[in-house]
PDB file of N, CA and C in Angstrom:
ATOM      1  N   UNK A   1       0.826  -1.190   0.000  1.00  0.00           N
ATOM      2  CA  UNK A   1       0.000   0.000   0.000  1.00  0.00           C
ATOM      3  C   UNK A   1       0.873   1.259   0.000  1.00  0.00           C
ATOM      4  N   UNK A   2       1.913   1.242   0.826  1.00  0.00           N
ATOM      5  CA  UNK A   2       2.829   2.377   0.924  1.00  0.00           C
ATOM      6  C   UNK A   2       3.428   2.692  -0.435  1.00  0.00           C
ATOM      7  N   UNK A   3       3.885   1.667  -1.136  1.00  0.00           N
ATOM      8  CA  UNK A   3       4.521   1.882  -2.435  1.00  0.00           C
ATOM      9  C   UNK A   3       3.523   2.414  -3.455  1.00  0.00           C
ATOM     10  N   UNK A   4       2.292   1.937  -3.402  1.00  0.00           N
ATOM     11  CA  UNK A   4       1.267   2.410  -4.323  1.00  0.00           C
ATOM     12  C   UNK A   4       0.984   3.890  -4.103  1.00  0.00           C
ATOM     13  N   UNK A   5       0.852   4.294  -2.848  1.00  0.00           N
ATOM     14  CA  UNK A   5       0.617   5.706  -2.531  1.00  0.00           C
ATOM     15  C   UNK A   5       1.789   6.541  -3.023  1.00  0.00           C
ATOM     16  N   UNK A   6       2.984   6.085  -2.727  1.00  0.00           N
ATOM     17  CA  UNK A   6       4.184   6.824  -3.123  1.00  0.00           C
ATOM     18  C   UNK A   6       4.277   6.943  -4.647  1.00  0.00           C
ATOM     19  N   UNK A   7       4.042   5.852  -5.352  1.00  0.00           N
ATOM     20  CA  UNK A   7       4.127   5.880  -6.813  1.00  0.00           C
ATOM     21  C   UNK A   7       3.066   6.795  -7.415  1.00  0.00           C
ATOM     22  N   UNK A   8       1.884   6.791  -6.831  1.00  0.00           N
ATOM     23  CA  UNK A   8       0.813   7.655  -7.322  1.00  0.00           C
ATOM     24  C   UNK A   8       1.185   9.119  -7.168  1.00  0.00           C
ATOM     25  N   UNK A   9       1.704   9.470  -6.012  1.00  0.00           N
ATOM     26  CA  UNK A   9       2.109  10.856  -5.771  1.00  0.00           C
ATOM     27  C   UNK A   9       3.249  11.238  -6.705  1.00  0.00           C
ATOM     28  N   UNK A  10       4.233  10.379  -6.822  1.00  0.00           N
ATOM     29  CA  UNK A  10       5.384  10.684  -7.676  1.00  0.00           C
ATOM     30  C   UNK A  10       4.992  10.766  -9.150  1.00  0.00           C
ATOM     31  N   UNK A  11       4.010   9.976  -9.570  1.00  0.00           N
ATOM     32  CA  UNK A  11       3.553  10.051 -10.958  1.00  0.00           C
ATOM     33  C   UNK A  11       2.935  11.415 -11.237  1.00  0.00           C
ATOM     34  N   UNK A  12       2.162  11.907 -10.284  1.00  0.00           N
ATOM     35  CA  UNK A  12       1.577  13.236 -10.431  1.00  0.00           C
ATOM     36  C   UNK A  12       2.631  14.313 -10.472  1.00  0.00           C
ATOM     37  N   UNK A  13       3.623  14.171  -9.640  1.00  0.00           N
ATOM     38  CA  UNK A  13       4.720  15.138  -9.613  1.00  0.00           C
ATOM     39  C   UNK A  13       5.506  15.058 -10.912  1.00  0.00           C
ATOM     40  N   UNK A  14       5.730  13.851 -11.392  1.00  0.00           N
ATOM     41  CA  UNK A  14       6.480  13.670 -12.633  1.00  0.00           C
ATOM     42  C   UNK A  14       5.824  14.373 -13.812  1.00  0.00           C
ATOM     43  N   UNK A  15       4.502  14.433 -13.799  1.00  0.00           N
ATOM     44  CA  UNK A  15       3.798  15.115 -14.877  1.00  0.00           C
ATOM     45  C   UNK A  15       4.086  16.608 -14.869  1.00  0.00           C
ATOM     46  N   UNK A  16       4.467  17.134 -13.723  1.00  0.00           N
ATOM     47  CA  UNK A  16       4.722  18.568 -13.604  1.00  0.00           C
ATOM     48  C   UNK A  16       6.181  18.930 -13.838  1.00  0.00           C
ATOM     49  N   UNK A  17       7.040  17.953 -13.964  1.00  0.00           N
ATOM     50  CA  UNK A  17       8.460  18.248 -14.153  1.00  0.00           C
ATOM     51  C   UNK A  17       8.786  18.351 -15.632  1.00  0.00           C
ATOM     52  N   UNK A  18       9.889  18.979 -15.905  1.00  0.00           N
ATOM     53  CA  UNK A  18      10.290  19.201 -17.290  1.00  0.00           C
ATOM     54  C   UNK A  18      11.105  18.035 -17.831  1.00  0.00           C
ATOM     55  N   UNK A  19      10.802  17.669 -19.051  1.00  0.00           N
ATOM     56  CA  UNK A  19      11.597  16.659 -19.737  1.00  0.00           C
ATOM     57  C   UNK A  19      12.730  17.344 -20.488  1.00  0.00           C
ATOM     58  N   UNK A  20      13.671  16.553 -20.920  1.00  0.00           N
ATOM     59  CA  UNK A  20      14.796  17.090 -21.692  1.00  0.00           C
ATOM     60  C   UNK A  20      14.286  17.802 -22.945  1.00  0.00           C
ATOM     61  N   UNK A  21      13.311  17.197 -23.603  1.00  0.00           N
ATOM     62  CA  UNK A  21      12.769  17.787 -24.822  1.00  0.00           C
ATOM     63  C   UNK A  21      12.111  19.134 -24.541  1.00  0.00           C
ATOM     64  N   UNK A  22      11.417  19.228 -23.422  1.00  0.00           N
ATOM     65  CA  UNK A  22      10.756  20.483 -23.054  1.00  0.00           C
ATOM     66  C   UNK A  22      11.795  21.569 -22.767  1.00  0.00           C
ATOM     67  N   UNK A  23      12.831  21.217 -22.021  1.00  0.00           N
ATOM     68  CA  UNK A  23      13.899  22.175 -21.719  1.00  0.00           C
ATOM     69  C   UNK A  23      14.554  22.642 -23.018  1.00  0.00           C
ATOM     70  N   UNK A  24      14.878  21.692 -23.891  1.00  0.00           N
ATOM     71  CA  UNK A  24      15.511  22.052 -25.160  1.00  0.00           C
ATOM     72  C   UNK A  24      14.606  22.956 -25.989  1.00  0.00           C
ATOM     73  N   UNK A  25      13.316  22.660 -25.986  1.00  0.00           N
ATOM     74  CA  UNK A  25      12.369  23.481 -26.731  1.00  0.00           C
ATOM     75  C   UNK A  25      12.298  24.900 -26.201  1.00  0.00           C
ATOM     76  N   UNK A  26      12.285  25.038 -24.882  1.00  0.00           N
ATOM     77  CA  UNK A  26      12.242  26.372 -24.280  1.00  0.00           C
ATOM     78  C   UNK A  26      13.512  27.161 -24.582  1.00  0.00           C
ATOM     79  N   UNK A  27      14.657  26.496 -24.470  1.00  0.00           N
ATOM     80  CA  UNK A  27      15.926  27.171 -24.755  1.00  0.00           C
ATOM     81  C   UNK A  27      16.009  27.520 -26.241  1.00  0.00           C
ATOM     82  N   UNK A  28      15.554  26.625 -27.104  1.00  0.00           N
ATOM     83  CA  UNK A  28      15.550  26.920 -28.543  1.00  0.00           C
ATOM     84  C   UNK A  28      14.703  28.153 -28.845  1.00  0.00           C
ATOM     85  N   UNK A  29      13.589  28.277 -28.156  1.00  0.00           N
ATOM     86  CA  UNK A  29      12.726  29.447 -28.340  1.00  0.00           C
ATOM     87  C   UNK A  29      13.445  30.724 -27.906  1.00  0.00           C
ATOM     88  N   UNK A  30      14.188  30.657 -26.801  1.00  0.00           N
ATOM     89  CA  UNK A  30      14.953  31.823 -26.339  1.00  0.00           C
ATOM     90  C   UNK A  30      16.046  32.199 -27.342  1.00  0.00           C
ATOM     91  N   UNK A  31      16.682  31.182 -27.935  1.00  0.00           N
ATOM     92  CA  UNK A  31      17.706  31.433 -28.956  1.00  0.00           C
ATOM     93  C   UNK A  31      17.047  32.077 -30.177  1.00  0.00           C
ATOM     94  N   UNK A  32      15.923  31.519 -30.580  1.00  0.00           N
ATOM     95  CA  UNK A  32      15.203  32.014 -31.753  1.00  0.00           C
ATOM     96  C   UNK A  32      14.793  33.479 -31.581  1.00  0.00           C
ATOM     97  N   UNK A  33      14.373  33.833 -30.367  1.00  0.00           N
ATOM     98  CA  UNK A  33      13.957  35.217 -30.084  1.00  0.00           C
ATOM     99  C   UNK A  33      15.146  36.151 -29.896  1.00  0.00           C
ATOM    100  N   UNK A  34      16.334  35.567 -29.795  1.00  0.00           N
ATOM    101  CA  UNK A  34      17.528  36.382 -29.617  1.00  0.00           C
ATOM    102  C   UNK A  34      17.817  36.742 -28.172  1.00  0.00           C
ATOM    103  N   UNK A  35      17.124  36.083 -27.239  1.00  0.00           N
ATOM    104  CA  UNK A  35      17.335  36.360 -25.817  1.00  0.00           C
ATOM    105  C   UNK A  35      18.646  35.785 -25.297  1.00  0.00           C
ATOM    106  N   UNK A  36      19.100  34.702 -25.918  1.00  0.00           N
ATOM    107  CA  UNK A  36      20.388  34.112 -25.536  1.00  0.00           C
ATOM    108  C   UNK A  36      21.150  33.747 -26.809  1.00  0.00           C
ATOM    109  N   UNK A  37      22.476  33.819 -26.763  1.00  0.00           N
ATOM    110  CA  UNK A  37      23.266  33.448 -27.945  1.00  0.00           C
ATOM    111  C   UNK A  37      23.224  31.934 -28.184  1.00  0.00           C
ATOM    112  N   UNK A  38      23.209  31.539 -29.442  1.00  0.00           N
ATOM    113  CA  UNK A  38      23.111  30.112 -29.771  1.00  0.00           C
ATOM    114  C   UNK A  38      24.292  29.313 -29.242  1.00  0.00           C
ATOM    115  N   UNK A  39      25.460  29.944 -29.118  1.00  0.00           N
ATOM    116  CA  UNK A  39      26.622  29.203 -28.611  1.00  0.00           C
ATOM    117  C   UNK A  39      26.484  28.866 -27.125  1.00  0.00           C
ATOM    118  N   UNK A  40      25.594  29.561 -26.415  1.00  0.00           N
ATOM    119  CA  UNK A  40      25.368  29.266 -24.995  1.00  0.00           C
ATOM    120  C   UNK A  40      24.319  28.171 -24.783  1.00  0.00           C
ATOM    121  N   UNK A  41      23.641  27.767 -25.860  1.00  0.00           N
ATOM    122  CA  UNK A  41      22.545  26.807 -25.750  1.00  0.00           C
ATOM    123  C   UNK A  41      22.924  25.515 -25.015  1.00  0.00           C
ATOM    124  N   UNK A  42      24.014  24.824 -25.416  1.00  0.00           N
ATOM    125  CA  UNK A  42      24.325  23.551 -24.737  1.00  0.00           C
ATOM    126  C   UNK A  42      24.530  23.702 -23.227  1.00  0.00           C
ATOM    127  N   UNK A  43      25.232  24.742 -22.822  1.00  0.00           N
ATOM    128  CA  UNK A  43      25.486  24.940 -21.393  1.00  0.00           C
ATOM    129  C   UNK A  43      24.196  25.266 -20.646  1.00  0.00           C
ATOM    130  N   UNK A  44      23.360  26.101 -21.232  1.00  0.00           N
ATOM    131  CA  UNK A  44      22.105  26.474 -20.578  1.00  0.00           C
ATOM    132  C   UNK A  44      21.195  25.258 -20.447  1.00  0.00           C
ATOM    133  N   UNK A  45      21.096  24.459 -21.512  1.00  0.00           N
ATOM    134  CA  UNK A  45      20.275  23.241 -21.455  1.00  0.00           C
ATOM    135  C   UNK A  45      20.787  22.325 -20.347  1.00  0.00           C
ATOM    136  N   UNK A  46      22.097  22.109 -20.302  1.00  0.00           N
ATOM    137  CA  UNK A  46      22.664  21.220 -19.283  1.00  0.00           C
ATOM    138  C   UNK A  46      22.432  21.763 -17.878  1.00  0.00           C
ATOM    139  N   UNK A  47      22.621  23.064 -17.695  1.00  0.00           N
ATOM    140  CA  UNK A  47      22.390  23.674 -16.379  1.00  0.00           C
ATOM    141  C   UNK A  47      20.935  23.506 -15.938  1.00  0.00           C
ATOM    142  N   UNK A  48      20.009  23.732 -16.859  1.00  0.00           N
ATOM    143  CA  UNK A  48      18.592  23.587 -16.520  1.00  0.00           C
ATOM    144  C   UNK A  48      18.241  22.137 -16.203  1.00  0.00           C
ATOM    145  N   UNK A  49      18.776  21.200 -16.983  1.00  0.00           N
ATOM    146  CA  UNK A  49      18.502  19.784 -16.725  1.00  0.00           C
ATOM    147  C   UNK A  49      19.067  19.351 -15.379  1.00  0.00           C
ATOM    148  N   UNK A  50      20.227  19.869 -15.025  1.00  0.00           N
ATOM    149  CA  UNK A  50      20.809  19.566 -13.717  1.00  0.00           C
ATOM    150  C   UNK A  50      19.906  20.081 -12.606  1.00  0.00           C
ATOM    151  N   UNK A  51      19.386  21.285 -12.780  1.00  0.00           N
ATOM    152  CA  UNK A  51      18.462  21.848 -11.783  1.00  0.00           C
ATOM    153  C   UNK A  51      17.184  21.022 -11.678  1.00  0.00           C
ATOM    154  N   UNK A  52      16.641  20.622 -12.828  1.00  0.00           N
ATOM    155  CA  UNK A  52      15.418  19.820 -12.837  1.00  0.00           C
ATOM    156  C   UNK A  52      15.651  18.512 -12.086  1.00  0.00           C
ATOM    157  N   UNK A  53      16.768  17.849 -12.367  1.00  0.00           N
ATOM    158  CA  UNK A  53      17.078  16.579 -11.700  1.00  0.00           C
ATOM    159  C   UNK A  53      17.221  16.765 -10.195  1.00  0.00           C
ATOM    160  N   UNK A  54      17.879  17.828  -9.780  1.00  0.00           N
ATOM    161  CA  UNK A  54      18.054  18.098  -8.352  1.00  0.00           C
ATOM    162  C   UNK A  54      16.709  18.396  -7.695  1.00  0.00           C
ATOM    163  N   UNK A  55      15.876  19.182  -8.360  1.00  0.00           N
ATOM    164  CA  UNK A  55      14.554  19.482  -7.810  1.00  0.00           C
ATOM    165  C   UNK A  55      13.700  18.221  -7.704  1.00  0.00           C
ATOM    166  N   UNK A  56      13.783  17.353  -8.701  1.00  0.00           N
ATOM    167  CA  UNK A  56      13.044  16.093  -8.656  1.00  0.00           C
ATOM    168  C   UNK A  56      13.517  15.235  -7.486  1.00  0.00           C
ATOM    169  N   UNK A  57      14.830  15.183  -7.283  1.00  0.00           N
ATOM    170  CA  UNK A  57      15.380  14.385  -6.184  1.00  0.00           C
ATOM    171  C   UNK A  57      14.904  14.930  -4.840  1.00  0.00           C
ATOM    172  N   UNK A  58      14.975  16.235  -4.668  1.00  0.00           N
ATOM    173  CA  UNK A  58      14.536  16.849  -3.409  1.00  0.00           C
ATOM    174  C   UNK A  58      13.043  16.639  -3.183  1.00  0.00           C
ATOM    175  N   UNK A  59      12.265  16.770  -4.240  1.00  0.00           N
ATOM    176  CA  UNK A  59      10.829  16.578  -4.128  1.00  0.00           C
ATOM    177  C   UNK A  59      10.499  15.134  -3.777  1.00  0.00           C
ATOM    178  N   UNK A  60      11.214  14.207  -4.382  1.00  0.00           N
ATOM    179  CA  UNK A  60      10.997  12.791  -4.086  1.00  0.00           C
ATOM    180  C   UNK A  60      11.305  12.495  -2.618  1.00  0.00           C
ATOM    181  N   UNK A  61      12.373  13.082  -2.098  1.00  0.00           N
ATOM    182  CA  UNK A  61      12.710  12.891  -0.684  1.00  0.00           C
ATOM    183  C   UNK A  61      11.609  13.436   0.219  1.00  0.00           C
ATOM    184  N   UNK A  62      11.077  14.601  -0.118  1.00  0.00           N
ATOM    185  CA  UNK A  62      10.007  15.200   0.687  1.00  0.00           C
ATOM    186  C   UNK A  62       8.749  14.342   0.651  1.00  0.00           C
ATOM    187  N   UNK A  63       8.422  13.835  -0.531  1.00  0.00           N
ATOM    188  CA  UNK A  63       7.248  12.971  -0.656  1.00  0.00           C
ATOM    189  C   UNK A  63       7.443  11.709   0.170  1.00  0.00           C
ATOM    190  N   UNK A  64       8.619  11.122   0.069  1.00  0.00           N
ATOM    191  CA  UNK A  64       8.931   9.902   0.828  1.00  0.00           C
ATOM    192  C   UNK A  64       8.718  10.136   2.321  1.00  0.00           C
ATOM    193  N   UNK A  65       9.260  11.226   2.834  1.00  0.00           N
ATOM    194  CA  UNK A  65       9.131  11.531   4.262  1.00  0.00           C
ATOM    195  C   UNK A  65       7.684  11.803   4.642  1.00  0.00           C
ATOM    196  N   UNK A  66       6.959  12.513   3.789  1.00  0.00           N
ATOM    197  CA  UNK A  66       5.561  12.827   4.080  1.00  0.00           C
ATOM    198  C   UNK A  66       4.702  11.570   4.108  1.00  0.00           C
ATOM    199  N   UNK A  67       4.925  10.684   3.152  1.00  0.00           N
ATOM    200  CA  UNK A  67       4.156   9.437   3.107  1.00  0.00           C
ATOM    201  C   UNK A  67       4.482   8.576   4.319  1.00  0.00           C
ATOM    202  N   UNK A  68       5.767   8.479   4.662  1.00  0.00           N
ATOM    203  CA  UNK A  68       6.157   7.698   5.839  1.00  0.00           C
ATOM    204  C   UNK A  68       5.518   8.270   7.103  1.00  0.00           C
ATOM    205  N   UNK A  69       5.494   9.581   7.217  1.00  0.00           N
ATOM    206  CA  UNK A  69       4.898  10.226   8.388  1.00  0.00           C
ATOM    207  C   UNK A  69       3.390   9.968   8.432  1.00  0.00           C
ATOM    208  N   UNK A  70       2.730  10.080   7.281  1.00  0.00           N
ATOM    209  CA  UNK A  70       1.287   9.858   7.227  1.00  0.00           C
ATOM    210  C   UNK A  70       0.940   8.419   7.583  1.00  0.00           C
ATOM    211  N   UNK A  71       1.667   7.485   7.037  1.00  0.00           N
ATOM    212  CA  UNK A  71       1.403   6.074   7.330  1.00  0.00           C
ATOM    213  C   UNK A  71       1.732   5.763   8.782  1.00  0.00           C
ATOM    214  N   UNK A  72       2.823   6.337   9.279  1.00  0.00           N
ATOM    215  CA  UNK A  72       3.182   6.134  10.683  1.00  0.00           C
ATOM    216  C   UNK A  72       2.105   6.655  11.614  1.00  0.00           C
ATOM    217  N   UNK A  73       1.495   7.771  11.256  1.00  0.00           N
ATOM    218  CA  UNK A  73       0.431   8.344  12.069  1.00  0.00           C
ATOM    219  C   UNK A  73      -0.826   7.502  12.070  1.00  0.00           C
ATOM    220  N   UNK A  74      -1.011   6.706  11.040  1.00  0.00           N
ATOM    221  CA  UNK A  74      -2.183   5.836  10.962  1.00  0.00           C
ATOM    222  C   UNK A  74      -1.966   4.514  11.686  1.00  0.00           C
ATOM    223  N   UNK A  75      -0.734   4.261  12.060  1.00  0.00           N
ATOM    224  CA  UNK A  75      -0.425   3.012  12.751  1.00  0.00           C
ATOM    225  C   UNK A  75      -0.330   1.816  11.823  1.00  0.00           C
ATOM    226  N   UNK A  76      -0.190   2.061  10.540  1.00  0.00           N
ATOM    227  CA  UNK A  76      -0.065   0.971   9.573  1.00  0.00           C
ATOM    228  C   UNK A  76       1.375   0.473   9.603  1.00  0.00           C
ATOM    229  N   UNK A  77       1.570  -0.821   9.789  1.00  0.00           N
ATOM    230  CA  UNK A  77       2.946  -1.330   9.844  1.00  0.00           C
ATOM    231  C   UNK A  77       3.621  -1.239   8.476  1.00  0.00           C
ATOM    232  N   UNK A  78       4.909  -0.972   8.509  1.00  0.00           N
ATOM    233  CA  UNK A  78       5.690  -0.924   7.277  1.00  0.00           C
ATOM    234  C   UNK A  78       6.198  -2.316   6.942  1.00  0.00           C
ATOM    235  N   UNK A  79       6.704  -2.486   5.737  1.00  0.00           N
ATOM    236  CA  UNK A  79       7.276  -3.775   5.342  1.00  0.00           C
ATOM    237  C   UNK A  79       8.430  -4.132   6.267  1.00  0.00           C
ATOM    238  N   UNK A  80       9.267  -3.150   6.580  1.00  0.00           N
ATOM    239  CA  UNK A  80      10.400  -3.409   7.476  1.00  0.00           C
ATOM    240  C   UNK A  80       9.904  -3.846   8.851  1.00  0.00           C
ATOM    241  N   UNK A  81       8.841  -3.219   9.315  1.00  0.00           N
ATOM    242  CA  UNK A  81       8.278  -3.591  10.611  1.00  0.00           C
ATOM    243  C   UNK A  81       7.719  -5.004  10.603  1.00  0.00           C
ATOM    244  N   UNK A  82       7.054  -5.365   9.527  1.00  0.00           N
ATOM    245  CA  UNK A  82       6.507  -6.719   9.411  1.00  0.00           C
ATOM    246  C   UNK A  82       7.619  -7.753   9.274  1.00  0.00           C
ATOM    247  N   UNK A  83       8.647  -7.409   8.512  1.00  0.00           N
ATOM    248  CA  UNK A  83       9.777  -8.325   8.350  1.00  0.00           C
ATOM    249  C   UNK A  83      10.476  -8.584   9.680  1.00  0.00           C
ATOM    250  N   UNK A  84      10.497  -7.576  10.543  1.00  0.00           N
ATOM    251  CA  UNK A  84      11.154  -7.713  11.844  1.00  0.00           C
ATOM    252  C   UNK A  84      10.411  -8.687  12.755  1.00  0.00           C
ATOM    253  N   UNK A  85       9.126  -8.859  12.487  1.00  0.00           N
ATOM    254  CA  UNK A  85       8.345  -9.795  13.304  1.00  0.00           C
ATOM    255  C   UNK A  85       8.705 -11.208  12.929  1.00  0.00           C
TER     256      UNK A  85
END
């Protein structure tokens, strides 16, 4: 049950995060409009993707802790707790 809740939440969050294609498309649009030089495109794309990955990791950690806290508050045993029995 815990894993299902976690996967459901993370799937919703994943829909809100940027994919590589989306980042590239946004940066390409900025290049096209002349907001950034085309030679800076690879670095900007990589920097944005690094930020996206870090934000996803941090968000996943927060979700994990929140789900664990919610389940703990309900008194539902975890897999580790059941295995210990």
